Amino acid sequence: GQPAVLSYSFEAKIEPALAKLQARLELSASSLRRLVLLYPAVLGYSYDANLAPKLQYLQEALELSPNELRAKVLMMPALLGYSLERRYRPRVALCRAHDKPLSAVLS
């Protein structure tokens, strides 16, 4: 079969999500294009249900500035695909419980 993203309406689903992601991370058009080329799965993610909560949590929990968050995502776009509940929250809790640097959450 074809990838699910091919059945999405670009104007109705993908374009608004990419516009929100671009605004949230303050990405240039070329940076957004690079992110999508490196991690095309992002085209299938809901901004409001998936990306926004994940970005907010990572920025707050890891105490990242907007520039730091943007740099991390651009360096490793697959960070957008990891589960907030099954990966990020447990790793933050483990780092805090064992006095480990929170930077380990993204590795």
Protein backbone atom coordinates (compact mmCIF):
# COMPACT_ATOMS: atom_id res chain seq x y z
CA GLY A 1 0.00 0.00 0.00
CA GLN A 2 0.88 3.64 -0.13
CA PRO A 3 2.13 5.63 2.86
CA ALA A 4 -0.79 7.07 4.85
CA VAL A 5 0.54 10.60 4.39
CA LEU A 6 -0.27 10.38 0.67
CA SER A 7 -3.97 10.23 1.51
CA TYR A 8 -3.86 13.47 3.53
CA SER A 9 -5.05 16.73 2.05
CA PHE A 10 -2.06 19.04 1.79
CA GLU A 11 -4.14 22.21 2.20
CA ALA A 12 -6.34 20.86 5.00
CA LYS A 13 -3.85 18.91 7.11
CA ILE A 14 -0.21 19.10 6.15
CA GLU A 15 0.21 22.76 5.25
CA PRO A 16 -1.39 24.09 8.49
CA ALA A 17 0.66 21.70 10.63
CA LEU A 18 3.90 22.71 8.91
CA ALA A 19 3.02 26.41 9.25
CA LYS A 20 2.46 25.97 12.99
CA LEU A 21 5.68 23.99 13.39
CA GLN A 22 7.58 26.63 11.43
CA ALA A 23 6.16 29.41 13.61
CA ARG A 24 6.70 27.50 16.89
CA LEU A 25 10.36 26.79 16.14
CA GLU A 26 10.92 30.08 14.26
CA LEU A 27 12.22 28.17 11.24
CA SER A 28 13.22 29.73 7.97
CA ALA A 29 11.64 28.22 4.86
CA SER A 30 14.91 26.46 4.05
CA SER A 31 15.21 25.04 7.58
CA LEU A 32 11.65 23.72 7.42
CA ARG A 33 12.34 22.18 4.02
CA ARG A 34 15.51 20.52 5.36
CA LEU A 35 13.65 19.17 8.40
CA VAL A 36 10.94 17.62 6.18
CA LEU A 37 13.52 16.14 3.80
CA LEU A 38 15.47 14.60 6.68
CA TYR A 39 12.38 13.40 8.55
CA PRO A 40 9.41 13.09 6.17
CA ALA A 41 7.34 11.28 8.81
CA VAL A 42 6.68 14.72 10.32
CA LEU A 43 4.21 15.29 7.47
CA GLY A 44 1.85 12.79 9.10
CA TYR A 45 1.92 14.25 12.61
CA SER A 46 -0.82 16.40 14.04
CA TYR A 47 0.68 19.65 15.27
CA ASP A 48 -1.91 20.27 17.98
CA ALA A 49 -2.22 16.70 19.26
CA ASN A 50 1.37 15.56 18.88
CA LEU A 51 4.04 18.12 18.10
CA ALA A 52 2.92 21.10 20.21
CA PRO A 53 2.64 19.17 23.51
CA LYS A 54 5.96 17.40 22.85
CA LEU A 55 7.83 20.62 22.03
CA GLN A 56 6.33 22.41 25.03
CA TYR A 57 7.25 19.58 27.39
CA LEU A 58 10.81 19.29 26.09
CA GLN A 59 11.39 23.02 26.28
CA GLU A 60 10.06 23.26 29.84
CA ALA A 61 11.41 19.99 31.28
CA LEU A 62 14.87 20.42 29.76
CA GLU A 63 14.92 24.17 30.36
CA LEU A 64 15.74 24.92 26.73
CA SER A 65 15.59 28.35 25.19
CA PRO A 66 13.63 28.65 21.94
CA ASN A 67 16.97 28.75 20.08
CA GLU A 68 18.23 25.63 21.86
CA LEU A 69 15.02 23.74 21.13
CA ARG A 70 15.18 24.73 17.47
CA ALA A 71 18.84 23.66 17.24
CA LYS A 72 18.13 20.25 18.81
CA VAL A 73 15.22 19.56 16.46
CA LEU A 74 17.18 20.68 13.40
CA MET A 75 20.18 18.59 14.44
CA MET A 76 18.01 15.49 14.96
CA PRO A 77 14.52 15.84 13.43
CA ALA A 78 13.63 12.29 14.55
CA LEU A 79 13.22 13.78 18.05
CA LEU A 80 9.77 14.83 16.83
CA GLY A 81 8.80 11.18 16.36
CA TYR A 82 9.55 9.84 19.81
CA SER A 83 6.68 9.33 22.21
CA LEU A 84 6.12 11.93 24.90
CA GLU A 85 4.53 9.39 27.26
CA ARG A 86 6.69 6.34 26.50
CA ARG A 87 10.06 7.99 25.96
CA TYR A 88 10.46 11.58 27.11
CA ARG A 89 8.52 11.64 30.38
CA PRO A 90 10.10 8.39 31.69
CA ARG A 91 13.60 9.56 30.75
CA VAL A 92 13.12 12.92 32.46
CA ALA A 93 11.87 11.12 35.58
CA LEU A 94 14.87 8.75 35.56
CA CYS A 95 17.35 11.57 35.11
CA ARG A 96 15.80 13.51 37.97
CA ALA A 97 15.61 10.44 40.23
CA HIS A 98 19.26 9.57 39.64
CA ASP A 99 20.68 13.09 39.48
CA LYS A 100 21.72 12.68 35.85
CA PRO A 101 21.94 15.57 33.39
CA LEU A 102 18.67 16.19 31.58
CA SER A 103 20.58 16.37 28.31
CA ALA A 104 20.59 12.54 28.42
CA VAL A 105 16.85 12.62 27.68
CA LEU A 106 17.55 13.48 24.03
CA SER A 107 20.24 10.89 23.47
